[in-house]
C-alpha cells in the first residue's frame, strides 16, 4: 500500500499535520481515497509540559494527557494509520518515497512531513541541511533548512521545531497545520484552507 503522506513524528506538529490532511477528505476531490500514516517514536517534548499558558485546555493541563487526547483524535479518522517506531532511513523521490523503520519495516508514501523535533536529525538518505536552531532557548538544538513554504525538498515538508519554530505547543500545532495546508495547496495549484462550519451558520 502506498500512502498519500507519511508524517514522521507524533507530537503537536505531526498530529496537527495529520489531522489537517485527514480532514481534507470531503473537501478536496483528490483526497477522497487517500490514506495518511503517522510514524511516532514516542519522544514528544509535550510529555514533559505543564500547559498553563495554552488557552485551548484547562489551566495546569498535563502534557501527556493532552498528547493522549490529540493522538486519539487523529487515530479516530478512518483514513489515518499509526505505527509506533523510529524512522532510520528515507529514500526515493517526490511521489515515490520509501520510509524504513528501525525494525526493518518499509512504508511507501507520495509525500512526507517531518515533525521530528529539534534534538537531533539522524535519519539517513534524505539530502537535507542541518543547521543550528535559530530560536532555541538552549544551545545544541537543530533545525533543517526550509524554503518559505517549509519545504525541504520536492514533496518533503517540515513542521514544528525541526522547521525552525519556537518551542511552544501552540506554535507547533500551527506549524503542523501550515505544513499540511502548504502540501495540499501545492497539489491543488491554489491556496487551500480546510474549514468545517456549523450548520445554519
Protein backbone atom coordinates (compact mmCIF):
# COMPACT_ATOMS: atom_id res chain seq x y z
CA UNK A 1 0.00 0.00 0.00
CA UNK A 2 1.23 3.49 -0.84
CA UNK A 3 0.17 6.28 1.50
CA UNK A 4 -0.63 9.76 0.27
CA UNK A 5 1.50 11.23 3.03
CA UNK A 6 3.70 9.89 5.78
CA UNK A 7 4.03 12.12 8.84
CA UNK A 8 7.15 11.37 10.84
CA UNK A 9 6.63 12.46 14.44
CA UNK A 10 3.57 12.25 16.66
CA UNK A 11 3.94 15.39 18.75
CA UNK A 12 1.76 18.52 18.40
CA UNK A 13 3.16 19.47 14.97
CA UNK A 14 2.90 15.99 13.48
CA UNK A 15 -0.56 15.38 14.93
CA UNK A 16 -1.87 18.71 13.65
CA UNK A 17 -0.44 18.00 10.21
CA UNK A 18 -2.03 14.55 10.13
CA UNK A 19 -5.42 15.84 11.33
CA UNK A 20 -5.41 18.57 8.69
CA UNK A 21 -4.57 16.13 5.90
CA UNK A 22 -7.14 13.62 7.11
CA UNK A 23 -9.89 16.25 7.36
CA UNK A 24 -9.32 17.24 3.72
CA UNK A 25 -11.42 14.21 2.81
CA UNK A 26 -14.81 15.61 1.90
CA UNK A 27 -13.30 18.98 0.97
CA UNK A 28 -10.85 18.12 -1.81
CA UNK A 29 -11.72 15.61 -4.51
CA UNK A 30 -8.15 14.35 -4.79
CA UNK A 31 -8.16 13.38 -1.10
CA UNK A 32 -11.21 11.10 -1.17
CA UNK A 33 -9.32 7.81 -1.36
CA UNK A 34 -6.05 8.91 0.24
CA UNK A 35 -4.55 7.44 3.41
CA UNK A 36 -2.16 9.11 5.86
CA UNK A 37 0.39 7.31 8.00
CA UNK A 38 1.86 8.67 11.23
CA UNK A 39 5.09 7.09 12.49
CA UNK A 40 5.88 8.10 16.05
CA UNK A 41 8.93 7.39 18.18
CA UNK A 42 7.09 8.42 21.36
CA UNK A 43 9.52 11.14 22.44
CA UNK A 44 7.50 14.34 22.09
CA UNK A 45 8.60 17.15 24.41
CA UNK A 46 4.91 17.64 25.23
CA UNK A 47 5.29 14.65 27.55
CA UNK A 48 7.19 16.96 29.95
CA UNK A 49 4.94 20.01 29.68
CA UNK A 50 2.55 21.70 32.08
CA UNK A 51 0.25 23.83 29.92
CA UNK A 52 -0.51 26.96 31.93
CA UNK A 53 -0.47 29.42 29.02
CA UNK A 54 -2.17 27.40 26.30
CA UNK A 55 -5.78 28.65 26.17
CA UNK A 56 -7.26 25.58 24.44
CA UNK A 57 -7.07 23.39 27.56
CA UNK A 58 -7.67 23.70 31.30
CA UNK A 59 -5.09 25.64 33.31
CA UNK A 60 -2.34 23.31 34.51
CA UNK A 61 -3.29 20.65 31.96
CA UNK A 62 -0.61 17.97 31.87
CA UNK A 63 1.18 17.49 28.57
CA UNK A 64 0.97 13.67 28.47
CA UNK A 65 -2.81 13.83 28.92
CA UNK A 66 -3.21 16.45 26.19
CA UNK A 67 -0.97 14.43 23.87
CA UNK A 68 -3.07 11.32 24.52
CA UNK A 69 -6.29 13.14 23.61
CA UNK A 70 -4.70 14.61 20.47
CA UNK A 71 -3.41 11.20 19.42
CA UNK A 72 -6.84 9.61 19.96
CA UNK A 73 -8.45 12.36 17.88
CA UNK A 74 -6.07 11.77 14.98
CA UNK A 75 -6.46 8.00 15.21
CA UNK A 76 -10.24 8.40 15.04
CA UNK A 77 -10.02 9.46 11.38
CA UNK A 78 -10.75 6.47 9.17
CA UNK A 79 -8.05 7.49 6.71
CA UNK A 80 -5.18 7.58 9.23
CA UNK A 81 -2.95 4.66 10.17
CA UNK A 82 -0.50 4.75 13.08
CA UNK A 83 2.83 2.99 13.64
CA UNK A 84 4.93 3.21 16.79
CA UNK A 85 8.56 3.19 15.68
CA UNK A 86 11.73 5.07 14.88
CA UNK A 87 12.44 6.06 11.28
CA UNK A 88 16.06 5.40 10.34
CA UNK A 89 16.14 5.89 6.57
CA UNK A 90 14.21 7.61 3.79
CA UNK A 91 14.89 7.11 0.11
CA UNK A 92 13.15 7.82 -3.18
CA UNK A 93 11.71 11.00 -4.59
CA UNK A 94 8.55 13.08 -4.71
CA UNK A 95 5.63 10.77 -5.39
CA UNK A 96 7.57 7.63 -4.51
CA UNK A 97 9.23 7.74 -1.09
CA UNK A 98 10.15 4.72 0.99
CA UNK A 99 10.46 5.11 4.77
CA UNK A 100 12.31 2.45 6.75
CA UNK A 101 11.90 1.96 10.49
CA UNK A 102 14.38 0.58 12.99
CA UNK A 103 12.68 -2.82 12.99
CA UNK A 104 13.16 -3.15 9.21
CA UNK A 105 9.64 -2.30 8.05
CA UNK A 106 9.35 -0.19 4.90
CA UNK A 107 6.40 2.10 4.14
CA UNK A 108 5.69 3.84 0.83
CA UNK A 109 4.33 7.36 0.51
CA UNK A 110 3.86 10.08 -2.07
CA UNK A 111 4.64 12.99 0.28
CA UNK A 112 6.44 13.43 3.61
CA UNK A 113 6.04 15.76 6.58
CA UNK A 114 8.92 15.72 9.05
CA UNK A 115 7.96 16.71 12.60
CA UNK A 116 10.89 15.17 14.42
CA UNK A 117 11.75 17.91 16.93
CA UNK A 118 14.96 19.85 17.46
CA UNK A 119 17.14 17.48 19.49
CA UNK A 120 18.73 15.69 16.55
CA UNK A 121 18.17 14.62 12.94
CA UNK A 122 19.75 11.25 12.27
CA UNK A 123 17.50 9.86 9.52
CA UNK A 124 19.67 8.68 6.64
CA UNK A 125 19.03 9.05 2.94
CA UNK A 126 17.46 12.49 2.60
CA UNK A 127 19.52 15.33 1.19
CA UNK A 128 18.95 17.84 4.00
CA UNK A 129 20.97 20.65 5.52
CA UNK A 130 21.03 20.50 9.32
CA UNK A 131 21.52 23.92 10.92
CA UNK A 132 21.77 25.26 14.48
CA UNK A 133 18.26 26.10 15.65
CA UNK A 134 17.87 29.88 15.38
CA UNK A 135 15.14 30.21 18.04
CA UNK A 136 16.03 27.53 20.58
CA UNK A 137 16.30 28.67 24.21
CA UNK A 138 19.25 26.33 24.76
CA UNK A 139 22.32 25.62 22.61
CA UNK A 140 22.88 22.40 20.72
CA UNK A 141 19.44 22.20 19.08
CA UNK A 142 18.94 21.76 15.35
CA UNK A 143 16.62 22.69 12.50
CA UNK A 144 16.53 21.83 8.81
CA UNK A 145 16.90 24.36 6.03
CA UNK A 146 13.45 25.02 4.54
CA UNK A 147 12.05 27.38 1.95
CA UNK A 148 9.25 29.90 2.51
CA UNK A 149 6.66 27.09 2.27
CA UNK A 150 8.52 24.91 4.79
CA UNK A 151 9.71 22.58 2.04
CA UNK A 152 12.98 20.75 2.46
CA UNK A 153 12.89 19.15 -0.98
CA UNK A 154 10.18 18.39 -3.55
CA UNK A 155 7.41 16.55 -1.71
CA UNK A 156 9.11 16.91 1.70
CA UNK A 157 7.84 19.43 4.26
CA UNK A 158 8.95 20.28 7.79
CA UNK A 159 6.74 21.15 10.74
CA UNK A 160 7.31 22.39 14.26
CA UNK A 161 10.72 22.62 15.87
CA UNK A 162 12.60 20.92 13.04
CA UNK A 163 11.21 23.65 10.75
CA UNK A 164 12.78 26.32 12.98
CA UNK A 165 9.74 27.23 15.06
CA UNK A 166 9.85 28.25 18.72
CA UNK A 167 9.26 25.61 21.37
CA UNK A 168 5.63 26.35 22.27
CA UNK A 169 2.80 23.88 21.77
CA UNK A 170 0.53 26.46 20.11
CA UNK A 171 3.25 27.34 17.60
CA UNK A 172 3.99 23.68 16.90
CA UNK A 173 0.33 22.94 16.22
CA UNK A 174 0.03 25.92 13.89
CA UNK A 175 3.20 24.91 12.09
CA UNK A 176 1.92 21.38 11.53
CA UNK A 177 -1.35 22.72 10.15
CA UNK A 178 0.54 25.14 7.90
CA UNK A 179 2.81 22.40 6.54
CA UNK A 180 -0.20 20.25 5.67
CA UNK A 181 -2.01 23.15 4.01
CA UNK A 182 1.10 24.05 2.02
CA UNK A 183 1.33 20.45 0.81
CA UNK A 184 -2.34 20.39 -0.20
CA UNK A 185 -2.11 23.84 -1.82
CA UNK A 186 0.92 22.81 -3.85
CA UNK A 187 -1.03 19.86 -5.24
CA UNK A 188 -4.20 21.88 -5.84
CA UNK A 189 -2.29 24.71 -7.52
CA UNK A 190 -4.07 27.28 -5.36
CA UNK A 191 -4.39 28.25 -1.71
CA UNK A 192 -6.34 25.61 0.21
CA UNK A 193 -7.90 26.05 3.65
CA UNK A 194 -9.79 23.18 5.30
CA UNK A 195 -12.71 24.67 7.24
CA UNK A 196 -15.70 22.89 8.70
CA UNK A 197 -18.62 25.11 9.65
CA UNK A 198 -21.63 24.75 11.91
CA UNK A 199 -24.92 24.00 10.21
CA UNK A 200 -27.21 27.03 9.75
CA UNK A 201 -24.33 29.46 10.31
